[in-house]
Amino acid sequence: MRPSFPLGVDILEWKKAGEFYRLHRDRLTHWLTTDEKKFIAGKKKPHEAFAMIFAAKEAVSKALGIRVSGPDALKAIHLKPRTSRKFHILNHAALEVTLSRHPRYVVACCLPVSV
């Protein structure tokens, strides 16, 4: 049974995201949009900004029911940061992602804008 509205949630541990960012930061720019790169570059802790972007993209992919495998799939999801905790999805105007920060995790929730 399909839900009556799209919903996607992702949780990402800060520590794991930081390790991934440090190992792959030079290659990450290949699948980030200009707005996403600016969001990361403008933060004091770029690895945490990356974690927020990654969790948001994962939540969007779950809400849309698309399989994410590899950088090309993640690059297809274009996020426009509205605030430090809300992203607008450029290629799906009816959806937005809200982020919650916790001491060990970031949680991204993708819902229709009207909900």
PDB file of N, CA and C in Angstrom:
ATOM      1  N   MET A   1       0.832  -1.177   0.000  1.00  0.00           N
ATOM      2  CA  MET A   1       0.000   0.000   0.000  1.00  0.00           C
ATOM      3  C   MET A   1       0.882   1.247   0.000  1.00  0.00           C
ATOM      4  N   ARG A   2       0.618   2.169  -0.888  1.00  0.00           N
ATOM      5  CA  ARG A   2       1.366   3.433  -0.977  1.00  0.00           C
ATOM      6  C   ARG A   2       0.782   4.452  -0.013  1.00  0.00           C
ATOM      7  N   PRO A   3       1.658   5.234   0.645  1.00  0.00           N
ATOM      8  CA  PRO A   3       1.143   6.282   1.527  1.00  0.00           C
ATOM      9  C   PRO A   3       0.408   7.341   0.716  1.00  0.00           C
ATOM     10  N   SER A   4      -0.501   8.053   1.361  1.00  0.00           N
ATOM     11  CA  SER A   4      -1.286   9.070   0.666  1.00  0.00           C
ATOM     12  C   SER A   4      -0.460  10.317   0.365  1.00  0.00           C
ATOM     13  N   PHE A   5       0.689  10.471   1.000  1.00  0.00           N
ATOM     14  CA  PHE A   5       1.589  11.577   0.691  1.00  0.00           C
ATOM     15  C   PHE A   5       3.020  11.077   0.887  1.00  0.00           C
ATOM     16  N   PRO A   6       3.969  11.669   0.154  1.00  0.00           N
ATOM     17  CA  PRO A   6       5.347  11.210   0.277  1.00  0.00           C
ATOM     18  C   PRO A   6       5.942  11.549   1.641  1.00  0.00           C
ATOM     19  N   LEU A   7       6.694  10.626   2.178  1.00  0.00           N
ATOM     20  CA  LEU A   7       7.357  10.807   3.460  1.00  0.00           C
ATOM     21  C   LEU A   7       8.699  10.106   3.387  1.00  0.00           C
ATOM     22  N   GLY A   8       9.741  10.791   3.794  1.00  0.00           N
ATOM     23  CA  GLY A   8      11.064  10.191   3.843  1.00  0.00           C
ATOM     24  C   GLY A   8      11.809  10.685   5.057  1.00  0.00           C
ATOM     25  N   VAL A   9      12.451   9.762   5.760  1.00  0.00           N
ATOM     26  CA  VAL A   9      13.198  10.122   6.968  1.00  0.00           C
ATOM     27  C   VAL A   9      14.568   9.461   6.886  1.00  0.00           C
ATOM     28  N   ASP A  10      15.589  10.187   7.312  1.00  0.00           N
ATOM     29  CA  ASP A  10      16.929   9.618   7.373  1.00  0.00           C
ATOM     30  C   ASP A  10      17.611  10.129   8.635  1.00  0.00           C
ATOM     31  N   ILE A  11      18.427   9.279   9.223  1.00  0.00           N
ATOM     32  CA  ILE A  11      19.198   9.642  10.406  1.00  0.00           C
ATOM     33  C   ILE A  11      20.655   9.314  10.118  1.00  0.00           C
ATOM     34  N   LEU A  12      21.528  10.239  10.473  1.00  0.00           N
ATOM     35  CA  LEU A  12      22.945  10.065  10.180  1.00  0.00           C
ATOM     36  C   LEU A  12      23.756  10.485  11.398  1.00  0.00           C
ATOM     37  N   GLU A  13      24.691   9.646  11.786  1.00  0.00           N
ATOM     38  CA  GLU A  13      25.540   9.927  12.939  1.00  0.00           C
ATOM     39  C   GLU A  13      26.623  10.938  12.543  1.00  0.00           C
ATOM     40  N   TRP A  14      26.777  11.985  13.339  1.00  0.00           N
ATOM     41  CA  TRP A  14      27.771  13.028  13.050  1.00  0.00           C
ATOM     42  C   TRP A  14      29.163  12.440  12.857  1.00  0.00           C
ATOM     43  N   LYS A  15      29.549  11.535  13.739  1.00  0.00           N
ATOM     44  CA  LYS A  15      30.903  10.973  13.713  1.00  0.00           C
ATOM     45  C   LYS A  15      31.179  10.244  12.401  1.00  0.00           C
ATOM     46  N   LYS A  16      30.254   9.393  11.982  1.00  0.00           N
ATOM     47  CA  LYS A  16      30.444   8.648  10.734  1.00  0.00           C
ATOM     48  C   LYS A  16      30.464   9.586   9.528  1.00  0.00           C
ATOM     49  N   ALA A  17      29.601  10.580   9.542  1.00  0.00           N
ATOM     50  CA  ALA A  17      29.573  11.548   8.443  1.00  0.00           C
ATOM     51  C   ALA A  17      30.885  12.327   8.388  1.00  0.00           C
ATOM     52  N   GLY A  18      31.424  12.667   9.545  1.00  0.00           N
ATOM     53  CA  GLY A  18      32.696  13.393   9.594  1.00  0.00           C
ATOM     54  C   GLY A  18      33.840  12.571   9.034  1.00  0.00           C
ATOM     55  N   GLU A  19      33.880  11.281   9.386  1.00  0.00           N
ATOM     56  CA  GLU A  19      34.917  10.393   8.860  1.00  0.00           C
ATOM     57  C   GLU A  19      34.805  10.276   7.341  1.00  0.00           C
ATOM     58  N   PHE A  20      33.586  10.108   6.850  1.00  0.00           N
ATOM     59  CA  PHE A  20      33.360   9.994   5.410  1.00  0.00           C
ATOM     60  C   PHE A  20      33.770  11.284   4.709  1.00  0.00           C
ATOM     61  N   TYR A  21      33.401  12.417   5.282  1.00  0.00           N
ATOM     62  CA  TYR A  21      33.739  13.724   4.703  1.00  0.00           C
ATOM     63  C   TYR A  21      35.250  13.909   4.609  1.00  0.00           C
ATOM     64  N   ARG A  22      35.960  13.595   5.678  1.00  0.00           N
ATOM     65  CA  ARG A  22      37.409  13.770   5.667  1.00  0.00           C
ATOM     66  C   ARG A  22      38.082  12.873   4.630  1.00  0.00           C
ATOM     67  N   LEU A  23      37.594  11.667   4.461  1.00  0.00           N
ATOM     68  CA  LEU A  23      38.186  10.741   3.496  1.00  0.00           C
ATOM     69  C   LEU A  23      37.876  11.109   2.047  1.00  0.00           C
ATOM     70  N   HIS A  24      36.695  11.663   1.792  1.00  0.00           N
ATOM     71  CA  HIS A  24      36.216  11.844   0.418  1.00  0.00           C
ATOM     72  C   HIS A  24      35.917  13.290   0.027  1.00  0.00           C
ATOM     73  N   ARG A  25      36.292  14.255   0.830  1.00  0.00           N
ATOM     74  CA  ARG A  25      35.875  15.641   0.578  1.00  0.00           C
ATOM     75  C   ARG A  25      36.243  16.139  -0.820  1.00  0.00           C
ATOM     76  N   ASP A  26      37.368  15.722  -1.365  1.00  0.00           N
ATOM     77  CA  ASP A  26      37.770  16.191  -2.693  1.00  0.00           C
ATOM     78  C   ASP A  26      36.860  15.659  -3.798  1.00  0.00           C
ATOM     79  N   ARG A  27      36.309  14.478  -3.611  1.00  0.00           N
ATOM     80  CA  ARG A  27      35.420  13.895  -4.622  1.00  0.00           C
ATOM     81  C   ARG A  27      33.963  14.302  -4.450  1.00  0.00           C
ATOM     82  N   LEU A  28      33.596  14.794  -3.291  1.00  0.00           N
ATOM     83  CA  LEU A  28      32.195  15.112  -3.014  1.00  0.00           C
ATOM     84  C   LEU A  28      31.663  16.230  -3.893  1.00  0.00           C
ATOM     85  N   THR A  29      32.510  17.139  -4.288  1.00  0.00           N
ATOM     86  CA  THR A  29      32.048  18.274  -5.081  1.00  0.00           C
ATOM     87  C   THR A  29      31.466  17.847  -6.428  1.00  0.00           C
ATOM     88  N   HIS A  30      31.774  16.649  -6.877  1.00  0.00           N
ATOM     89  CA  HIS A  30      31.259  16.164  -8.161  1.00  0.00           C
ATOM     90  C   HIS A  30      29.759  15.895  -8.124  1.00  0.00           C
ATOM     91  N   TRP A  31      29.200  15.662  -6.943  1.00  0.00           N
ATOM     92  CA  TRP A  31      27.760  15.382  -6.882  1.00  0.00           C
ATOM     93  C   TRP A  31      26.984  16.379  -6.027  1.00  0.00           C
ATOM     94  N   LEU A  32      27.606  17.507  -5.722  1.00  0.00           N
ATOM     95  CA  LEU A  32      26.903  18.567  -4.999  1.00  0.00           C
ATOM     96  C   LEU A  32      26.601  19.726  -5.950  1.00  0.00           C
ATOM     97  N   THR A  33      25.473  20.365  -5.745  1.00  0.00           N
ATOM     98  CA  THR A  33      25.119  21.538  -6.542  1.00  0.00           C
ATOM     99  C   THR A  33      25.875  22.756  -6.001  1.00  0.00           C
ATOM    100  N   THR A  34      25.849  23.833  -6.733  1.00  0.00           N
ATOM    101  CA  THR A  34      26.510  25.065  -6.308  1.00  0.00           C
ATOM    102  C   THR A  34      25.950  25.547  -4.975  1.00  0.00           C
ATOM    103  N   ASP A  35      24.619  25.521  -4.827  1.00  0.00           N
ATOM    104  CA  ASP A  35      24.003  25.951  -3.562  1.00  0.00           C
ATOM    105  C   ASP A  35      24.437  25.071  -2.394  1.00  0.00           C
ATOM    106  N   GLU A  36      24.537  23.769  -2.632  1.00  0.00           N
ATOM    107  CA  GLU A  36      24.947  22.841  -1.577  1.00  0.00           C
ATOM    108  C   GLU A  36      26.408  23.072  -1.191  1.00  0.00           C
ATOM    109  N   LYS A  37      27.265  23.319  -2.186  1.00  0.00           N
ATOM    110  CA  LYS A  37      28.680  23.604  -1.912  1.00  0.00           C
ATOM    111  C   LYS A  37      28.819  24.890  -1.100  1.00  0.00           C
ATOM    112  N   LYS A  38      28.036  25.910  -1.435  1.00  0.00           N
ATOM    113  CA  LYS A  38      28.070  27.170  -0.690  1.00  0.00           C
ATOM    114  C   LYS A  38      27.611  26.960   0.747  1.00  0.00           C
ATOM    115  N   PHE A  39      26.577  26.157   0.935  1.00  0.00           N
ATOM    116  CA  PHE A  39      26.064  25.863   2.270  1.00  0.00           C
ATOM    117  C   PHE A  39      27.164  25.233   3.123  1.00  0.00           C
ATOM    118  N   ILE A  40      27.877  24.273   2.560  1.00  0.00           N
ATOM    119  CA  ILE A  40      28.947  23.591   3.291  1.00  0.00           C
ATOM    120  C   ILE A  40      30.114  24.541   3.555  1.00  0.00           C
ATOM    121  N   ALA A  41      30.515  25.291   2.536  1.00  0.00           N
ATOM    122  CA  ALA A  41      31.665  26.192   2.665  1.00  0.00           C
ATOM    123  C   ALA A  41      31.416  27.306   3.681  1.00  0.00           C
ATOM    124  N   GLY A  42      30.159  27.671   3.879  1.00  0.00           N
ATOM    125  CA  GLY A  42      29.834  28.765   4.787  1.00  0.00           C
ATOM    126  C   GLY A  42      29.717  28.365   6.244  1.00  0.00           C
ATOM    127  N   LYS A  43      29.975  27.120   6.549  1.00  0.00           N
ATOM    128  CA  LYS A  43      29.833  26.637   7.929  1.00  0.00           C
ATOM    129  C   LYS A  43      31.184  26.467   8.614  1.00  0.00           C
ATOM    130  N   LYS A  44      31.213  26.671   9.927  1.00  0.00           N
ATOM    131  CA  LYS A  44      32.433  26.476  10.702  1.00  0.00           C
ATOM    132  C   LYS A  44      32.830  25.004  10.743  1.00  0.00           C
ATOM    133  N   LYS A  45      31.827  24.125  10.712  1.00  0.00           N
ATOM    134  CA  LYS A  45      32.084  22.680  10.724  1.00  0.00           C
ATOM    135  C   LYS A  45      31.540  22.095   9.417  1.00  0.00           C
ATOM    136  N   PRO A  46      32.336  22.118   8.340  1.00  0.00           N
ATOM    137  CA  PRO A  46      31.835  21.666   7.043  1.00  0.00           C
ATOM    138  C   PRO A  46      31.392  20.203   7.031  1.00  0.00           C
ATOM    139  N   HIS A  47      32.004  19.372   7.863  1.00  0.00           N
ATOM    140  CA  HIS A  47      31.590  17.970   7.897  1.00  0.00           C
ATOM    141  C   HIS A  47      30.158  17.833   8.422  1.00  0.00           C
ATOM    142  N   GLU A  48      29.744  18.716   9.333  1.00  0.00           N
ATOM    143  CA  GLU A  48      28.365  18.669   9.824  1.00  0.00           C
ATOM    144  C   GLU A  48      27.397  19.186   8.764  1.00  0.00           C
ATOM    145  N   ALA A  49      27.795  20.196   8.022  1.00  0.00           N
ATOM    146  CA  ALA A  49      26.950  20.703   6.929  1.00  0.00           C
ATOM    147  C   ALA A  49      26.790  19.629   5.859  1.00  0.00           C
ATOM    148  N   PHE A  50      27.881  18.908   5.569  1.00  0.00           N
ATOM    149  CA  PHE A  50      27.798  17.798   4.626  1.00  0.00           C
ATOM    150  C   PHE A  50      26.818  16.740   5.125  1.00  0.00           C
ATOM    151  N   ALA A  51      26.879  16.422   6.410  1.00  0.00           N
ATOM    152  CA  ALA A  51      25.973  15.417   6.987  1.00  0.00           C
ATOM    153  C   ALA A  51      24.520  15.838   6.803  1.00  0.00           C
ATOM    154  N   MET A  52      24.238  17.129   6.988  1.00  0.00           N
ATOM    155  CA  MET A  52      22.873  17.622   6.817  1.00  0.00           C
ATOM    156  C   MET A  52      22.420  17.472   5.360  1.00  0.00           C
ATOM    157  N   ILE A  53      23.296  17.826   4.414  1.00  0.00           N
ATOM    158  CA  ILE A  53      22.968  17.690   2.993  1.00  0.00           C
ATOM    159  C   ILE A  53      22.734  16.221   2.645  1.00  0.00           C
ATOM    160  N   PHE A  54      23.633  15.350   3.091  1.00  0.00           N
ATOM    161  CA  PHE A  54      23.524  13.929   2.757  1.00  0.00           C
ATOM    162  C   PHE A  54      22.251  13.318   3.331  1.00  0.00           C
ATOM    163  N   ALA A  55      21.967  13.605   4.598  1.00  0.00           N
ATOM    164  CA  ALA A  55      20.744  13.080   5.224  1.00  0.00           C
ATOM    165  C   ALA A  55      19.504  13.612   4.510  1.00  0.00           C
ATOM    166  N   ALA A  56      19.524  14.880   4.128  1.00  0.00           N
ATOM    167  CA  ALA A  56      18.393  15.469   3.414  1.00  0.00           C
ATOM    168  C   ALA A  56      18.168  14.778   2.070  1.00  0.00           C
ATOM    169  N   LYS A  57      19.251  14.527   1.334  1.00  0.00           N
ATOM    170  CA  LYS A  57      19.121  13.852   0.040  1.00  0.00           C
ATOM    171  C   LYS A  57      18.587  12.433   0.212  1.00  0.00           C
ATOM    172  N   GLU A  58      19.037  11.745   1.229  1.00  0.00           N
ATOM    173  CA  GLU A  58      18.534  10.396   1.505  1.00  0.00           C
ATOM    174  C   GLU A  58      17.044  10.433   1.844  1.00  0.00           C
ATOM    175  N   ALA A  59      16.620  11.401   2.648  1.00  0.00           N
ATOM    176  CA  ALA A  59      15.203  11.516   3.002  1.00  0.00           C
ATOM    177  C   ALA A  59      14.356  11.795   1.761  1.00  0.00           C
ATOM    178  N   VAL A  60      14.856  12.651   0.873  1.00  0.00           N
ATOM    179  CA  VAL A  60      14.128  12.944  -0.369  1.00  0.00           C
ATOM    180  C   VAL A  60      14.007  11.700  -1.218  1.00  0.00           C
ATOM    181  N   SER A  61      15.080  10.947  -1.350  1.00  0.00           N
ATOM    182  CA  SER A  61      15.026   9.734  -2.172  1.00  0.00           C
ATOM    183  C   SER A  61      14.012   8.740  -1.621  1.00  0.00           C
ATOM    184  N   LYS A  62      13.909   8.649  -0.310  1.00  0.00           N
ATOM    185  CA  LYS A  62      12.930   7.747   0.308  1.00  0.00           C
ATOM    186  C   LYS A  62      11.508   8.257   0.087  1.00  0.00           C
ATOM    187  N   ALA A  63      11.317   9.564   0.185  1.00  0.00           N
ATOM    188  CA  ALA A  63       9.981  10.134  -0.020  1.00  0.00           C
ATOM    189  C   ALA A  63       9.508   9.920  -1.455  1.00  0.00           C
ATOM    190  N   LEU A  64      10.441  10.001  -2.391  1.00  0.00           N
ATOM    191  CA  LEU A  64      10.079   9.845  -3.802  1.00  0.00           C
ATOM    192  C   LEU A  64      10.093   8.391  -4.253  1.00  0.00           C
ATOM    193  N   GLY A  65      10.595   7.523  -3.395  1.00  0.00           N
ATOM    194  CA  GLY A  65      10.645   6.104  -3.740  1.00  0.00           C
ATOM    195  C   GLY A  65      11.675   5.797  -4.817  1.00  0.00           C
ATOM    196  N   ILE A  66      12.754   6.586  -4.863  1.00  0.00           N
ATOM    197  CA  ILE A  66      13.794   6.329  -5.842  1.00  0.00           C
ATOM    198  C   ILE A  66      14.998   5.700  -5.166  1.00  0.00           C
ATOM    199  N   ARG A  67      15.640   4.820  -5.875  1.00  0.00           N
ATOM    200  CA  ARG A  67      16.806   4.119  -5.340  1.00  0.00           C
ATOM    201  C   ARG A  67      18.039   4.987  -5.529  1.00  0.00           C
ATOM    202  N   VAL A  68      18.763   5.187  -4.475  1.00  0.00           N
ATOM    203  CA  VAL A  68      19.987   5.977  -4.535  1.00  0.00           C
ATOM    204  C   VAL A  68      21.158   5.016  -4.522  1.00  0.00           C
ATOM    205  N   SER A  69      21.886   5.006  -5.632  1.00  0.00           N
ATOM    206  CA  SER A  69      23.102   4.204  -5.657  1.00  0.00           C
ATOM    207  C   SER A  69      24.159   4.988  -6.417  1.00  0.00           C
ATOM    208  N   GLY A  70      25.109   5.450  -5.683  1.00  0.00           N
ATOM    209  CA  GLY A  70      26.207   6.183  -6.282  1.00  0.00           C
ATOM    210  C   GLY A  70      25.989   7.684  -6.333  1.00  0.00           C
ATOM    211  N   PRO A  71      27.066   8.403  -6.626  1.00  0.00           N
ATOM    212  CA  PRO A  71      27.020   9.861  -6.626  1.00  0.00           C
ATOM    213  C   PRO A  71      26.069  10.450  -7.652  1.00  0.00           C
ATOM    214  N   ASP A  72      25.913   9.810  -8.809  1.00  0.00           N
ATOM    215  CA  ASP A  72      25.035  10.364  -9.843  1.00  0.00           C
ATOM    216  C   ASP A  72      23.587  10.447  -9.380  1.00  0.00           C
ATOM    217  N   ALA A  73      23.134   9.450  -8.647  1.00  0.00           N
ATOM    218  CA  ALA A  73      21.756   9.464  -8.150  1.00  0.00           C
ATOM    219  C   ALA A  73      21.559  10.582  -7.134  1.00  0.00           C
ATOM    220  N   LEU A  74      22.525  10.783  -6.266  1.00  0.00           N
ATOM    221  CA  LEU A  74      22.415  11.862  -5.279  1.00  0.00           C
ATOM    222  C   LEU A  74      22.522  13.234  -5.923  1.00  0.00           C
ATOM    223  N   LYS A  75      23.276  13.338  -7.002  1.00  0.00           N
ATOM    224  CA  LYS A  75      23.405  14.626  -7.687  1.00  0.00           C
ATOM    225  C   LYS A  75      22.080  15.042  -8.338  1.00  0.00           C
ATOM    226  N   ALA A  76      21.233  14.075  -8.650  1.00  0.00           N
ATOM    227  CA  ALA A  76      19.949  14.374  -9.284  1.00  0.00           C
ATOM    228  C   ALA A  76      18.983  15.092  -8.336  1.00  0.00           C
ATOM    229  N   ILE A  77      19.236  15.018  -7.046  1.00  0.00           N
ATOM    230  CA  ILE A  77      18.406  15.709  -6.053  1.00  0.00           C
ATOM    231  C   ILE A  77      19.067  17.048  -5.752  1.00  0.00           C
ATOM    232  N   HIS A  78      18.398  18.139  -6.105  1.00  0.00           N
ATOM    233  CA  HIS A  78      18.955  19.478  -5.941  1.00  0.00           C
ATOM    234  C   HIS A  78      18.312  20.166  -4.742  1.00  0.00           C
ATOM    235  N   LEU A  79      19.111  20.444  -3.734  1.00  0.00           N
ATOM    236  CA  LEU A  79      18.616  21.108  -2.527  1.00  0.00           C
ATOM    237  C   LEU A  79      18.981  22.585  -2.536  1.00  0.00           C
ATOM    238  N   LYS A  80      18.061  23.393  -2.071  1.00  0.00           N
ATOM    239  CA  LYS A  80      18.304  24.836  -1.917  1.00  0.00           C
ATOM    240  C   LYS A  80      18.104  25.151  -0.440  1.00  0.00           C
ATOM    241  N   PRO A  81      19.196  25.390   0.294  1.00  0.00           N
ATOM    242  CA  PRO A  81      19.046  25.726   1.710  1.00  0.00           C
ATOM    243  C   PRO A  81      18.220  27.003   1.891  1.00  0.00           C
ATOM    244  N   ARG A  82      17.161  26.920   2.710  1.00  0.00           N
ATOM    245  CA  ARG A  82      16.337  28.088   3.030  1.00  0.00           C
ATOM    246  C   ARG A  82      16.775  28.686   4.350  1.00  0.00           C
ATOM    247  N   THR A  83      17.112  27.823   5.282  1.00  0.00           N
ATOM    248  CA  THR A  83      17.667  28.220   6.576  1.00  0.00           C
ATOM    249  C   THR A  83      18.681  27.136   6.916  1.00  0.00           C
ATOM    250  N   SER A  84      19.248  27.185   8.096  1.00  0.00           N
ATOM    251  CA  SER A  84      20.185  26.128   8.478  1.00  0.00           C
ATOM    252  C   SER A  84      19.473  24.822   8.816  1.00  0.00           C
ATOM    253  N   ARG A  85      18.137  24.853   8.837  1.00  0.00           N
ATOM    254  CA  ARG A  85      17.391  23.631   9.176  1.00  0.00           C
ATOM    255  C   ARG A  85      16.277  23.288   8.200  1.00  0.00           C
ATOM    256  N   LYS A  86      16.184  24.020   7.096  1.00  0.00           N
ATOM    257  CA  LYS A  86      15.151  23.717   6.097  1.00  0.00           C
ATOM    258  C   LYS A  86      15.749  23.800   4.714  1.00  0.00           C
ATOM    259  N   PHE A  87      15.415  22.802   3.883  1.00  0.00           N
ATOM    260  CA  PHE A  87      15.852  22.780   2.498  1.00  0.00           C
ATOM    261  C   PHE A  87      14.639  22.685   1.592  1.00  0.00           C
ATOM    262  N   HIS A  88      14.708  23.398   0.504  1.00  0.00           N
ATOM    263  CA  HIS A  88      13.703  23.313  -0.549  1.00  0.00           C
ATOM    264  C   HIS A  88      14.283  22.392  -1.623  1.00  0.00           C
ATOM    265  N   ILE A  89      13.475  21.511  -2.182  1.00  0.00           N
ATOM    266  CA  ILE A  89      13.931  20.607  -3.229  1.00  0.00           C
ATOM    267  C   ILE A  89      13.569  21.238  -4.566  1.00  0.00           C
ATOM    268  N   LEU A  90      14.583  21.649  -5.325  1.00  0.00           N
ATOM    269  CA  LEU A  90      14.347  22.430  -6.536  1.00  0.00           C
ATOM    270  C   LEU A  90      13.575  21.659  -7.601  1.00  0.00           C
ATOM    271  N   ASN A  91      13.842  20.380  -7.765  1.00  0.00           N
ATOM    272  CA  ASN A  91      13.147  19.630  -8.803  1.00  0.00           C
ATOM    273  C   ASN A  91      11.860  18.964  -8.308  1.00  0.00           C
ATOM    274  N   HIS A  92      11.440  19.269  -7.082  1.00  0.00           N
ATOM    275  CA  HIS A  92      10.173  18.780  -6.527  1.00  0.00           C
ATOM    276  C   HIS A  92       9.629  19.853  -5.592  1.00  0.00           C
ATOM    277  N   ALA A  93       9.017  20.870  -6.166  1.00  0.00           N
ATOM    278  CA  ALA A  93       8.610  22.059  -5.413  1.00  0.00           C
ATOM    279  C   ALA A  93       7.606  21.784  -4.305  1.00  0.00           C
ATOM    280  N   ALA A  94       6.902  20.684  -4.361  1.00  0.00           N
ATOM    281  CA  ALA A  94       5.880  20.404  -3.357  1.00  0.00           C
ATOM    282  C   ALA A  94       6.460  19.760  -2.093  1.00  0.00           C
ATOM    283  N   LEU A  95       7.761  19.531  -2.057  1.00  0.00           N
ATOM    284  CA  LEU A  95       8.399  18.889  -0.915  1.00  0.00           C
ATOM    285  C   LEU A  95       9.418  19.817  -0.273  1.00  0.00           C
ATOM    286  N   GLU A  96       9.645  19.609   1.028  1.00  0.00           N
ATOM    287  CA  GLU A  96      10.743  20.288   1.708  1.00  0.00           C
ATOM    288  C   GLU A  96      11.304  19.355   2.769  1.00  0.00           C
ATOM    289  N   VAL A  97      12.524  19.624   3.159  1.00  0.00           N
ATOM    290  CA  VAL A  97      13.203  18.817   4.170  1.00  0.00           C
ATOM    291  C   VAL A  97      13.450  19.682   5.392  1.00  0.00           C
ATOM    292  N   THR A  98      13.100  19.141   6.548  1.00  0.00           N
ATOM    293  CA  THR A  98      13.375  19.793   7.823  1.00  0.00           C
ATOM    294  C   THR A  98      14.389  18.940   8.575  1.00  0.00           C
ATOM    295  N   LEU A  99      15.374  19.606   9.170  1.00  0.00           N
ATOM    296  CA  LEU A  99      16.431  18.909   9.894  1.00  0.00           C
ATOM    297  C   LEU A  99      16.303  19.125  11.393  1.00  0.00           C
ATOM    298  N   SER A 100      16.617  18.088  12.139  1.00  0.00           N
ATOM    299  CA  SER A 100      16.698  18.179  13.599  1.00  0.00           C
ATOM    300  C   SER A 100      18.097  17.743  13.993  1.00  0.00           C
ATOM    301  N   ARG A 101      18.720  18.565  14.810  1.00  0.00           N
ATOM    302  CA  ARG A 101      20.067  18.257  15.286  1.00  0.00           C
ATOM    303  C   ARG A 101      19.992  17.690  16.700  1.00  0.00           C
ATOM    304  N   HIS A 102      20.701  16.599  16.894  1.00  0.00           N
ATOM    305  CA  HIS A 102      20.822  15.979  18.202  1.00  0.00           C
ATOM    306  C   HIS A 102      22.313  15.828  18.500  1.00  0.00           C
ATOM    307  N   PRO A 103      22.707  15.589  19.730  1.00  0.00           N
ATOM    308  CA  PRO A 103      24.138  15.508  20.044  1.00  0.00           C
ATOM    309  C   PRO A 103      24.916  14.486  19.201  1.00  0.00           C
ATOM    310  N   ARG A 104      24.303  13.364  18.869  1.00  0.00           N
ATOM    311  CA  ARG A 104      25.012  12.331  18.097  1.00  0.00           C
ATOM    312  C   ARG A 104      24.531  12.196  16.662  1.00  0.00           C
ATOM    313  N   TYR A 105      23.364  12.757  16.332  1.00  0.00           N
ATOM    314  CA  TYR A 105      22.758  12.520  15.027  1.00  0.00           C
ATOM    315  C   TYR A 105      22.158  13.781  14.427  1.00  0.00           C
ATOM    316  N   VAL A 106      21.980  13.724  13.110  1.00  0.00           N
ATOM    317  CA  VAL A 106      21.123  14.674  12.415  1.00  0.00           C
ATOM    318  C   VAL A 106      19.986  13.835  11.833  1.00  0.00           C
ATOM    319  N   VAL A 107      18.768  14.344  11.960  1.00  0.00           N
ATOM    320  CA  VAL A 107      17.594  13.656  11.421  1.00  0.00           C
ATOM    321  C   VAL A 107      16.983  14.541  10.356  1.00  0.00           C
ATOM    322  N   ALA A 108      16.761  13.983   9.179  1.00  0.00           N
ATOM    323  CA  ALA A 108      16.140  14.718   8.073  1.00  0.00           C
ATOM    324  C   ALA A 108      14.770  14.113   7.803  1.00  0.00           C
ATOM    325  N   CYS A 109      13.766  14.969   7.682  1.00  0.00           N
ATOM    326  CA  CYS A 109      12.404  14.543   7.406  1.00  0.00           C
ATOM    327  C   CYS A 109      11.903  15.285   6.170  1.00  0.00           C
ATOM    328  N   CYS A 110      11.527  14.537   5.149  1.00  0.00           N
ATOM    329  CA  CYS A 110      11.012  15.119   3.903  1.00  0.00           C
ATOM    330  C   CYS A 110       9.507  14.899   3.844  1.00  0.00           C
ATOM    331  N   LEU A 111       8.776  16.006   3.732  1.00  0.00           N
ATOM    332  CA  LEU A 111       7.316  15.985   3.706  1.00  0.00           C
ATOM    333  C   LEU A 111       6.804  16.952   2.648  1.00  0.00           C
ATOM    334  N   PRO A 112       5.556  16.791   2.235  1.00  0.00           N
ATOM    335  CA  PRO A 112       4.954  17.817   1.375  1.00  0.00           C
ATOM    336  C   PRO A 112       4.934  19.163   2.091  1.00  0.00           C
ATOM    337  N   VAL A 113       5.069  20.233   1.350  1.00  0.00           N
ATOM    338  CA  VAL A 113       5.111  21.577   1.918  1.00  0.00           C
ATOM    339  C   VAL A 113       3.852  21.903   2.703  1.00  0.00           C
ATOM    340  N   SER A 114       2.700  21.426   2.271  1.00  0.00           N
ATOM    341  CA  SER A 114       1.428  21.792   2.900  1.00  0.00           C
ATOM    342  C   SER A 114       1.149  21.044   4.196  1.00  0.00           C
ATOM    343  N   VAL A 115       1.952  20.000   4.535  1.00  0.00           N
ATOM    344  CA  VAL A 115       1.688  19.221   5.745  1.00  0.00           C
ATOM    345  C   VAL A 115       2.240  19.932   6.951  1.00  0.00           C
TER     346      VAL A 115
END
